[in-house]
Amino acid sequence: MTLIPFPNKKLTKKIIKLDINENIYELAINPNDLLLDVIRYKLNLTGTKRGCDMGTCGCCTVLLDGEPVLSCLTLAIQAIGKKIKTIESLQENENMHPIQECFHTEGGSQCGFCTPGFIMTSFALLKKNKNPTDEEIKQEISGNMCRCTGYIKIIKSIKKAAKKMRNSD
């Protein structure tokens, strides 16, 4: 058997700018760097979690121009020119965002590992739909997986956050 050598092409780093949580970061990245790795390891924004690395659990969900995306499947260069929002962006001063608060008070997070992904997905939903039905919530969070709960408390948390956000408008 003859082995064909793998081409030894060295990846050339590129300098890019990313708009993350309303801050502009200039970074040197490889063209194949994942957005998740840039967020967690280059910028130390560790709220975004690495779960499955296959796009099935939703733990790595961030918002890209307001839409939930899986950062484990998104190249950092795909985010150039877009507004990226991570879980760290939701807290205002010392106050939790209503979605974070409701996940806490209603038991929507147990171990908390999947919670940032659920919260970012919920944030995007509640920006578009201020009064979602249970079915609409279930549809929206269907890309997020929790191994601790039966989703009932997660749905209840999102419903309560929606009400709280409507009442504060």
N, C-alpha and C. Protein backbone atom coordinates (compact mmCIF):
# COMPACT_ATOMS: atom_id res chain seq x y z
N MET A 1 0.85 -1.17 0.00
CA MET A 1 0.00 0.00 0.00
C MET A 1 0.90 1.24 0.00
N THR A 2 0.56 2.18 -0.84
CA THR A 2 1.31 3.42 -0.93
C THR A 2 0.51 4.52 -0.23
N LEU A 3 1.17 5.19 0.69
CA LEU A 3 0.54 6.31 1.37
C LEU A 3 0.79 7.59 0.60
N ILE A 4 -0.24 8.34 0.43
CA ILE A 4 -0.12 9.62 -0.24
C ILE A 4 0.04 10.67 0.86
N PRO A 5 1.12 11.42 0.82
CA PRO A 5 1.32 12.41 1.89
C PRO A 5 0.28 13.52 1.83
N PHE A 6 -0.11 13.95 3.01
CA PHE A 6 -1.04 15.07 3.13
C PHE A 6 -0.28 16.34 2.80
N PRO A 7 -0.82 17.19 1.97
CA PRO A 7 -0.09 18.42 1.62
C PRO A 7 0.20 19.24 2.87
N ASN A 8 1.40 19.68 3.01
CA ASN A 8 1.80 20.44 4.19
C ASN A 8 1.58 21.93 3.93
N LYS A 9 0.33 22.30 3.85
CA LYS A 9 0.00 23.71 3.64
C LYS A 9 -0.22 24.36 4.99
N LYS A 10 0.58 25.34 5.26
CA LYS A 10 0.42 26.06 6.51
C LYS A 10 -0.68 27.10 6.33
N LEU A 11 -1.60 27.12 7.29
CA LEU A 11 -2.67 28.11 7.22
C LEU A 11 -2.12 29.48 7.55
N THR A 12 -2.53 30.45 6.79
CA THR A 12 -2.08 31.81 7.01
C THR A 12 -3.10 32.53 7.87
N LYS A 13 -2.63 33.06 8.97
CA LYS A 13 -3.53 33.82 9.84
C LYS A 13 -3.98 35.09 9.14
N LYS A 14 -5.20 35.48 9.47
CA LYS A 14 -5.77 36.70 8.92
C LYS A 14 -6.15 37.60 10.10
N ILE A 15 -5.99 38.88 9.90
CA ILE A 15 -6.43 39.85 10.90
C ILE A 15 -7.87 40.23 10.55
N ILE A 16 -8.76 40.02 11.52
CA ILE A 16 -10.17 40.36 11.29
C ILE A 16 -10.67 41.21 12.44
N LYS A 17 -11.81 41.84 12.22
CA LYS A 17 -12.49 42.58 13.28
C LYS A 17 -13.86 41.94 13.47
N LEU A 18 -14.19 41.70 14.74
CA LEU A 18 -15.49 41.15 15.08
C LEU A 18 -16.19 42.09 16.05
N ASP A 19 -17.48 42.29 15.83
CA ASP A 19 -18.32 43.11 16.72
C ASP A 19 -19.03 42.14 17.66
N ILE A 20 -18.52 42.05 18.87
CA ILE A 20 -19.09 41.13 19.86
C ILE A 20 -19.53 41.93 21.07
N ASN A 21 -20.82 41.83 21.38
CA ASN A 21 -21.41 42.52 22.53
C ASN A 21 -21.12 44.02 22.49
N GLU A 22 -21.21 44.57 21.28
CA GLU A 22 -21.03 46.00 21.04
C GLU A 22 -19.60 46.48 21.30
N ASN A 23 -18.65 45.56 21.26
CA ASN A 23 -17.22 45.89 21.32
C ASN A 23 -16.58 45.37 20.05
N ILE A 24 -15.65 46.13 19.49
CA ILE A 24 -14.94 45.69 18.30
C ILE A 24 -13.61 45.07 18.75
N TYR A 25 -13.40 43.83 18.31
CA TYR A 25 -12.17 43.12 18.62
C TYR A 25 -11.41 42.87 17.32
N GLU A 26 -10.11 43.19 17.33
CA GLU A 26 -9.25 42.89 16.21
C GLU A 26 -8.42 41.67 16.60
N LEU A 27 -8.52 40.63 15.78
CA LEU A 27 -7.91 39.35 16.13
C LEU A 27 -7.16 38.75 14.96
N ALA A 28 -6.13 37.98 15.27
CA ALA A 28 -5.46 37.17 14.26
C ALA A 28 -6.02 35.76 14.38
N ILE A 29 -6.65 35.29 13.32
CA ILE A 29 -7.26 33.96 13.35
C ILE A 29 -6.82 33.16 12.13
N ASN A 30 -6.95 31.85 12.26
CA ASN A 30 -6.79 30.97 11.11
C ASN A 30 -8.13 30.94 10.36
N PRO A 31 -8.11 30.74 9.06
CA PRO A 31 -9.37 30.72 8.30
C PRO A 31 -10.35 29.65 8.78
N ASN A 32 -9.86 28.59 9.44
CA ASN A 32 -10.75 27.53 9.90
C ASN A 32 -11.10 27.63 11.38
N ASP A 33 -10.78 28.74 12.04
CA ASP A 33 -11.14 28.91 13.45
C ASP A 33 -12.65 29.04 13.60
N LEU A 34 -13.17 28.30 14.54
CA LEU A 34 -14.61 28.36 14.83
C LEU A 34 -14.93 29.58 15.68
N LEU A 35 -16.11 30.13 15.47
CA LEU A 35 -16.55 31.27 16.26
C LEU A 35 -16.55 30.91 17.75
N LEU A 36 -16.96 29.71 18.10
CA LEU A 36 -16.96 29.27 19.49
C LEU A 36 -15.57 29.39 20.10
N ASP A 37 -14.55 28.92 19.41
CA ASP A 37 -13.19 28.95 19.93
C ASP A 37 -12.68 30.38 20.07
N VAL A 38 -13.01 31.24 19.12
CA VAL A 38 -12.59 32.64 19.21
C VAL A 38 -13.24 33.29 20.42
N ILE A 39 -14.54 33.07 20.59
CA ILE A 39 -15.27 33.67 21.71
C ILE A 39 -14.72 33.17 23.05
N ARG A 40 -14.57 31.87 23.18
CA ARG A 40 -14.15 31.29 24.47
C ARG A 40 -12.67 31.45 24.77
N TYR A 41 -11.83 31.15 23.80
CA TYR A 41 -10.41 31.02 24.09
C TYR A 41 -9.58 32.24 23.70
N LYS A 42 -10.01 32.99 22.72
CA LYS A 42 -9.26 34.20 22.37
C LYS A 42 -9.78 35.41 23.14
N LEU A 43 -11.09 35.43 23.42
CA LEU A 43 -11.69 36.58 24.10
C LEU A 43 -12.09 36.30 25.54
N ASN A 44 -11.99 35.04 25.95
CA ASN A 44 -12.29 34.63 27.32
C ASN A 44 -13.74 34.94 27.74
N LEU A 45 -14.66 34.89 26.79
CA LEU A 45 -16.09 35.02 27.08
C LEU A 45 -16.62 33.59 27.23
N THR A 46 -16.54 33.07 28.44
CA THR A 46 -16.76 31.64 28.67
C THR A 46 -18.22 31.26 28.93
N GLY A 47 -19.13 32.20 28.83
CA GLY A 47 -20.54 31.87 29.00
C GLY A 47 -21.06 30.97 27.89
N THR A 48 -20.53 31.12 26.70
CA THR A 48 -20.89 30.27 25.57
C THR A 48 -20.20 28.93 25.77
N LYS A 49 -20.98 27.86 25.80
CA LYS A 49 -20.45 26.54 26.16
C LYS A 49 -20.19 25.66 24.95
N ARG A 50 -19.20 24.80 25.09
CA ARG A 50 -18.91 23.76 24.10
C ARG A 50 -19.64 22.51 24.60
N GLY A 51 -20.55 22.02 23.78
CA GLY A 51 -21.30 20.83 24.16
C GLY A 51 -20.93 19.65 23.30
N CYS A 52 -21.57 19.53 22.17
CA CYS A 52 -21.44 18.34 21.33
C CYS A 52 -20.45 18.50 20.18
N ASP A 53 -20.14 19.72 19.78
CA ASP A 53 -19.30 20.00 18.61
C ASP A 53 -19.89 19.47 17.31
N MET A 54 -21.19 19.18 17.31
CA MET A 54 -21.85 18.65 16.11
C MET A 54 -23.11 19.41 15.74
N GLY A 55 -23.45 20.44 16.53
CA GLY A 55 -24.64 21.22 16.23
C GLY A 55 -25.93 20.59 16.68
N THR A 56 -25.87 19.68 17.64
CA THR A 56 -27.10 19.01 18.07
C THR A 56 -27.60 19.43 19.45
N CYS A 57 -26.78 20.12 20.24
CA CYS A 57 -27.20 20.41 21.62
C CYS A 57 -27.59 21.86 21.87
N GLY A 58 -27.08 22.80 21.10
CA GLY A 58 -27.43 24.21 21.26
C GLY A 58 -26.72 24.95 22.37
N CYS A 59 -25.80 24.29 23.09
CA CYS A 59 -25.09 24.96 24.20
C CYS A 59 -24.27 26.14 23.73
N CYS A 60 -23.83 26.12 22.49
CA CYS A 60 -22.95 27.16 21.96
C CYS A 60 -23.70 28.27 21.23
N THR A 61 -25.01 28.35 21.42
CA THR A 61 -25.82 29.32 20.69
C THR A 61 -25.44 30.76 21.05
N VAL A 62 -25.20 31.53 20.02
CA VAL A 62 -25.01 32.99 20.12
C VAL A 62 -25.94 33.62 19.09
N LEU A 63 -26.07 34.92 19.15
CA LEU A 63 -26.89 35.60 18.15
C LEU A 63 -25.99 36.27 17.13
N LEU A 64 -26.30 36.09 15.89
CA LEU A 64 -25.59 36.71 14.78
C LEU A 64 -26.62 37.57 14.05
N ASP A 65 -26.46 38.89 14.16
CA ASP A 65 -27.46 39.83 13.64
C ASP A 65 -28.87 39.48 14.13
N GLY A 66 -28.95 39.11 15.41
CA GLY A 66 -30.23 38.85 16.06
C GLY A 66 -30.78 37.45 15.90
N GLU A 67 -30.14 36.62 15.11
CA GLU A 67 -30.62 35.26 14.87
C GLU A 67 -29.74 34.25 15.60
N PRO A 68 -30.35 33.25 16.23
CA PRO A 68 -29.55 32.23 16.91
C PRO A 68 -28.75 31.39 15.92
N VAL A 69 -27.46 31.22 16.21
CA VAL A 69 -26.60 30.35 15.41
C VAL A 69 -25.77 29.48 16.35
N LEU A 70 -25.36 28.36 15.83
CA LEU A 70 -24.51 27.45 16.59
C LEU A 70 -23.07 27.83 16.32
N SER A 71 -22.41 28.35 17.34
CA SER A 71 -21.04 28.85 17.13
C SER A 71 -20.03 27.72 16.94
N CYS A 72 -20.41 26.48 17.26
CA CYS A 72 -19.50 25.35 17.01
C CYS A 72 -19.50 24.95 15.54
N LEU A 73 -20.45 25.44 14.76
CA LEU A 73 -20.53 25.14 13.33
C LEU A 73 -20.31 26.37 12.46
N THR A 74 -19.98 27.49 13.09
CA THR A 74 -19.82 28.75 12.37
C THR A 74 -18.36 29.16 12.39
N LEU A 75 -17.80 29.41 11.22
CA LEU A 75 -16.44 29.91 11.16
C LEU A 75 -16.42 31.37 11.61
N ALA A 76 -15.38 31.75 12.29
CA ALA A 76 -15.28 33.13 12.76
C ALA A 76 -15.33 34.11 11.59
N ILE A 77 -14.72 33.74 10.46
CA ILE A 77 -14.73 34.66 9.31
C ILE A 77 -16.13 34.88 8.75
N GLN A 78 -17.06 33.97 9.04
CA GLN A 78 -18.45 34.16 8.60
C GLN A 78 -19.15 35.26 9.40
N ALA A 79 -18.57 35.62 10.54
CA ALA A 79 -19.18 36.62 11.41
C ALA A 79 -18.65 38.02 11.16
N ILE A 80 -17.72 38.18 10.24
CA ILE A 80 -17.18 39.51 9.93
C ILE A 80 -18.32 40.37 9.39
N GLY A 81 -18.43 41.58 9.95
CA GLY A 81 -19.44 42.53 9.50
C GLY A 81 -20.81 42.30 10.12
N LYS A 82 -20.91 41.34 11.02
CA LYS A 82 -22.18 41.06 11.68
C LYS A 82 -22.07 41.41 13.17
N LYS A 83 -23.21 41.60 13.80
CA LYS A 83 -23.23 41.87 15.23
C LYS A 83 -23.43 40.54 15.97
N ILE A 84 -22.48 40.23 16.82
CA ILE A 84 -22.51 38.99 17.59
C ILE A 84 -22.91 39.35 19.02
N LYS A 85 -23.81 38.56 19.57
CA LYS A 85 -24.27 38.78 20.93
C LYS A 85 -24.12 37.46 21.70
N THR A 86 -23.42 37.51 22.83
CA THR A 86 -23.26 36.33 23.68
C THR A 86 -24.04 36.55 24.97
N ILE A 87 -24.11 35.53 25.79
CA ILE A 87 -24.82 35.60 27.07
C ILE A 87 -24.30 36.74 27.95
N GLU A 88 -23.00 37.06 27.83
CA GLU A 88 -22.43 38.12 28.65
C GLU A 88 -23.06 39.48 28.36
N SER A 89 -23.64 39.64 27.20
CA SER A 89 -24.21 40.94 26.81
C SER A 89 -25.55 41.23 27.49
N LEU A 90 -26.18 40.24 28.07
CA LEU A 90 -27.54 40.44 28.59
C LEU A 90 -27.58 41.13 29.95
N GLN A 91 -26.59 40.89 30.77
CA GLN A 91 -26.60 41.50 32.09
C GLN A 91 -26.35 42.99 31.98
N GLU A 92 -27.15 43.77 32.66
CA GLU A 92 -26.99 45.22 32.67
C GLU A 92 -26.55 45.64 34.07
N ASN A 93 -25.35 46.19 34.16
CA ASN A 93 -24.75 46.54 35.45
C ASN A 93 -24.73 45.30 36.33
N GLU A 94 -25.37 45.34 37.46
CA GLU A 94 -25.42 44.18 38.36
C GLU A 94 -26.73 43.41 38.21
N ASN A 95 -27.59 43.84 37.29
CA ASN A 95 -28.92 43.24 37.16
C ASN A 95 -28.96 42.18 36.07
N MET A 96 -29.63 41.08 36.40
CA MET A 96 -29.84 40.04 35.40
C MET A 96 -30.91 40.51 34.42
N HIS A 97 -30.83 40.02 33.20
CA HIS A 97 -31.88 40.25 32.22
C HIS A 97 -33.11 39.49 32.71
N PRO A 98 -34.33 39.96 32.39
CA PRO A 98 -35.53 39.23 32.83
C PRO A 98 -35.53 37.74 32.46
N ILE A 99 -34.97 37.39 31.32
CA ILE A 99 -34.93 35.97 30.95
C ILE A 99 -34.02 35.21 31.92
N GLN A 100 -32.87 35.78 32.22
CA GLN A 100 -31.96 35.14 33.18
C GLN A 100 -32.62 35.01 34.54
N GLU A 101 -33.26 36.09 34.96
CA GLU A 101 -33.93 36.10 36.26
C GLU A 101 -35.01 35.02 36.34
N CYS A 102 -35.81 34.90 35.28
CA CYS A 102 -36.90 33.92 35.28
C CYS A 102 -36.38 32.49 35.21
N PHE A 103 -35.30 32.25 34.49
CA PHE A 103 -34.70 30.92 34.50
C PHE A 103 -34.25 30.57 35.92
N HIS A 104 -33.74 31.57 36.64
CA HIS A 104 -33.30 31.35 38.02
C HIS A 104 -34.50 31.10 38.96
N THR A 105 -35.49 31.97 38.92
CA THR A 105 -36.60 31.87 39.87
C THR A 105 -37.55 30.71 39.57
N GLU A 106 -37.69 30.34 38.31
CA GLU A 106 -38.63 29.28 37.93
C GLU A 106 -37.97 27.90 37.81
N GLY A 107 -36.68 27.82 38.07
CA GLY A 107 -36.00 26.52 37.99
C GLY A 107 -35.73 26.06 36.57
N GLY A 108 -35.64 27.01 35.63
CA GLY A 108 -35.39 26.65 34.24
C GLY A 108 -33.98 26.15 34.00
N SER A 109 -33.10 26.43 34.94
CA SER A 109 -31.74 25.88 34.81
C SER A 109 -31.46 25.05 36.04
N GLN A 110 -30.92 23.87 35.80
CA GLN A 110 -30.55 23.03 36.92
C GLN A 110 -29.03 23.01 37.04
N CYS A 111 -28.36 22.25 36.20
CA CYS A 111 -26.90 22.28 36.27
C CYS A 111 -26.37 23.56 35.65
N GLY A 112 -27.12 24.16 34.73
CA GLY A 112 -26.77 25.44 34.14
C GLY A 112 -25.93 25.36 32.88
N PHE A 113 -25.46 24.20 32.50
CA PHE A 113 -24.56 24.09 31.35
C PHE A 113 -25.25 24.52 30.05
N CYS A 114 -26.48 24.08 29.85
CA CYS A 114 -27.19 24.40 28.62
C CYS A 114 -27.88 25.75 28.66
N THR A 115 -27.96 26.34 29.84
CA THR A 115 -28.76 27.55 30.05
C THR A 115 -28.38 28.72 29.14
N PRO A 116 -27.10 29.04 28.95
CA PRO A 116 -26.79 30.17 28.05
C PRO A 116 -27.37 29.99 26.65
N GLY A 117 -27.33 28.78 26.11
CA GLY A 117 -27.90 28.53 24.79
C GLY A 117 -29.41 28.73 24.78
N PHE A 118 -30.09 28.22 25.81
CA PHE A 118 -31.53 28.41 25.92
C PHE A 118 -31.88 29.90 26.06
N ILE A 119 -31.12 30.60 26.87
CA ILE A 119 -31.41 32.02 27.10
C ILE A 119 -31.20 32.83 25.82
N MET A 120 -30.14 32.55 25.08
CA MET A 120 -29.91 33.30 23.84
C MET A 120 -30.99 32.99 22.81
N THR A 121 -31.40 31.74 22.73
CA THR A 121 -32.49 31.37 21.82
C THR A 121 -33.79 32.05 22.24
N SER A 122 -34.06 32.07 23.55
CA SER A 122 -35.26 32.72 24.09
C SER A 122 -35.23 34.22 23.85
N PHE A 123 -34.07 34.83 24.02
CA PHE A 123 -33.92 36.26 23.79
C PHE A 123 -34.31 36.61 22.35
N ALA A 124 -33.81 35.84 21.40
CA ALA A 124 -34.14 36.08 19.99
C ALA A 124 -35.64 35.91 19.75
N LEU A 125 -36.23 34.88 20.34
CA LEU A 125 -37.67 34.63 20.20
C LEU A 125 -38.47 35.81 20.73
N LEU A 126 -38.14 36.25 21.96
CA LEU A 126 -38.93 37.30 22.60
C LEU A 126 -38.72 38.67 21.97
N LYS A 127 -37.65 38.86 21.21
CA LYS A 127 -37.48 40.09 20.44
C LYS A 127 -38.46 40.13 19.27
N LYS A 128 -38.75 38.95 18.70
CA LYS A 128 -39.66 38.85 17.54
C LYS A 128 -41.11 38.68 17.96
N ASN A 129 -41.32 37.96 19.06
CA ASN A 129 -42.66 37.57 19.48
C ASN A 129 -42.79 37.81 20.98
N LYS A 130 -43.47 38.85 21.36
CA LYS A 130 -43.55 39.24 22.77
C LYS A 130 -44.51 38.38 23.59
N ASN A 131 -45.32 37.56 22.92
CA ASN A 131 -46.28 36.72 23.64
C ASN A 131 -46.40 35.36 22.96
N PRO A 132 -45.32 34.57 22.98
CA PRO A 132 -45.36 33.28 22.28
C PRO A 132 -46.21 32.25 23.01
N THR A 133 -46.82 31.38 22.24
CA THR A 133 -47.56 30.25 22.81
C THR A 133 -46.56 29.18 23.24
N ASP A 134 -47.04 28.21 23.98
CA ASP A 134 -46.19 27.08 24.37
C ASP A 134 -45.63 26.39 23.13
N GLU A 135 -46.45 26.22 22.12
CA GLU A 135 -46.01 25.54 20.89
C GLU A 135 -44.93 26.33 20.17
N GLU A 136 -45.08 27.65 20.14
CA GLU A 136 -44.06 28.50 19.51
C GLU A 136 -42.75 28.43 20.27
N ILE A 137 -42.83 28.41 21.60
CA ILE A 137 -41.62 28.27 22.42
C ILE A 137 -40.97 26.92 22.16
N LYS A 138 -41.76 25.87 22.16
CA LYS A 138 -41.20 24.53 21.91
C LYS A 138 -40.52 24.45 20.56
N GLN A 139 -41.14 25.05 19.56
CA GLN A 139 -40.55 25.06 18.21
C GLN A 139 -39.21 25.79 18.22
N GLU A 140 -39.20 26.96 18.88
CA GLU A 140 -37.98 27.79 18.87
C GLU A 140 -36.82 27.13 19.62
N ILE A 141 -37.12 26.46 20.74
CA ILE A 141 -36.05 25.86 21.54
C ILE A 141 -35.74 24.42 21.13
N SER A 142 -36.34 23.96 20.05
CA SER A 142 -36.16 22.56 19.64
C SER A 142 -34.71 22.23 19.28
N GLY A 143 -33.89 23.22 19.02
CA GLY A 143 -32.47 22.97 18.73
C GLY A 143 -31.59 22.98 19.96
N ASN A 144 -32.19 23.17 21.13
CA ASN A 144 -31.45 23.18 22.39
C ASN A 144 -31.81 21.94 23.20
N MET A 145 -30.79 21.33 23.77
CA MET A 145 -31.02 20.11 24.54
C MET A 145 -30.61 20.32 25.99
N CYS A 146 -31.46 19.84 26.89
CA CYS A 146 -31.16 19.85 28.32
C CYS A 146 -31.23 18.41 28.82
N ARG A 147 -30.22 18.02 29.54
CA ARG A 147 -30.18 16.65 30.06
C ARG A 147 -30.72 16.56 31.48
N CYS A 148 -31.03 17.71 32.11
CA CYS A 148 -31.45 17.71 33.51
C CYS A 148 -32.95 17.87 33.71
N THR A 149 -33.61 18.64 32.85
CA THR A 149 -35.02 18.96 33.09
C THR A 149 -35.92 18.25 32.08
N GLY A 150 -37.18 18.37 32.30
CA GLY A 150 -38.16 17.85 31.35
C GLY A 150 -38.71 18.96 30.48
N TYR A 151 -38.04 20.10 30.42
CA TYR A 151 -38.38 21.26 29.60
C TYR A 151 -39.59 22.04 30.11
N ILE A 152 -40.37 21.49 31.01
CA ILE A 152 -41.55 22.20 31.51
C ILE A 152 -41.15 23.49 32.21
N LYS A 153 -40.12 23.42 33.06
CA LYS A 153 -39.67 24.62 33.77
C LYS A 153 -38.98 25.61 32.83
N ILE A 154 -38.37 25.11 31.78
CA ILE A 154 -37.75 26.00 30.80
C ILE A 154 -38.84 26.79 30.08
N ILE A 155 -39.89 26.11 29.66
CA ILE A 155 -41.01 26.78 28.97
C ILE A 155 -41.68 27.78 29.92
N LYS A 156 -41.87 27.36 31.16
CA LYS A 156 -42.48 28.25 32.16
C LYS A 156 -41.60 29.49 32.38
N SER A 157 -40.29 29.31 32.40
CA SER A 157 -39.36 30.43 32.57
C SER A 157 -39.48 31.42 31.42
N ILE A 158 -39.57 30.90 30.21
CA ILE A 158 -39.68 31.76 29.02
C ILE A 158 -41.01 32.50 29.02
N LYS A 159 -42.09 31.81 29.37
CA LYS A 159 -43.41 32.46 29.44
C LYS A 159 -43.42 33.60 30.46
N LYS A 160 -42.82 33.33 31.63
CA LYS A 160 -42.79 34.35 32.67
C LYS A 160 -41.92 35.53 32.24
N ALA A 161 -40.80 35.26 31.58
CA ALA A 161 -39.93 36.33 31.09
C ALA A 161 -40.67 37.17 30.04
N ALA A 162 -41.42 36.52 29.17
CA ALA A 162 -42.18 37.25 28.15
C ALA A 162 -43.16 38.21 28.82
N LYS A 163 -43.85 37.73 29.84
CA LYS A 163 -44.81 38.57 30.56
C LYS A 163 -44.10 39.74 31.24
N LYS A 164 -43.00 39.43 31.88
CA LYS A 164 -42.23 40.46 32.58
C LYS A 164 -41.73 41.53 31.60
N MET A 165 -41.26 41.09 30.45
CA MET A 165 -40.75 42.02 29.44
C MET A 165 -41.87 42.85 28.84
N ARG A 166 -43.05 42.25 28.63
CA ARG A 166 -44.20 43.01 28.12
C ARG A 166 -44.63 44.08 29.12
N ASN A 167 -44.62 43.73 30.40
CA ASN A 167 -45.05 44.66 31.44
C ASN A 167 -44.08 45.81 31.64
N SER A 168 -42.83 45.62 31.22
CA SER A 168 -41.83 46.70 31.41
C SER A 168 -41.75 47.62 30.19
N ASP A 169 -42.46 47.27 29.11
CA ASP A 169 -42.43 48.11 27.90
C ASP A 169 -43.23 49.38 28.06
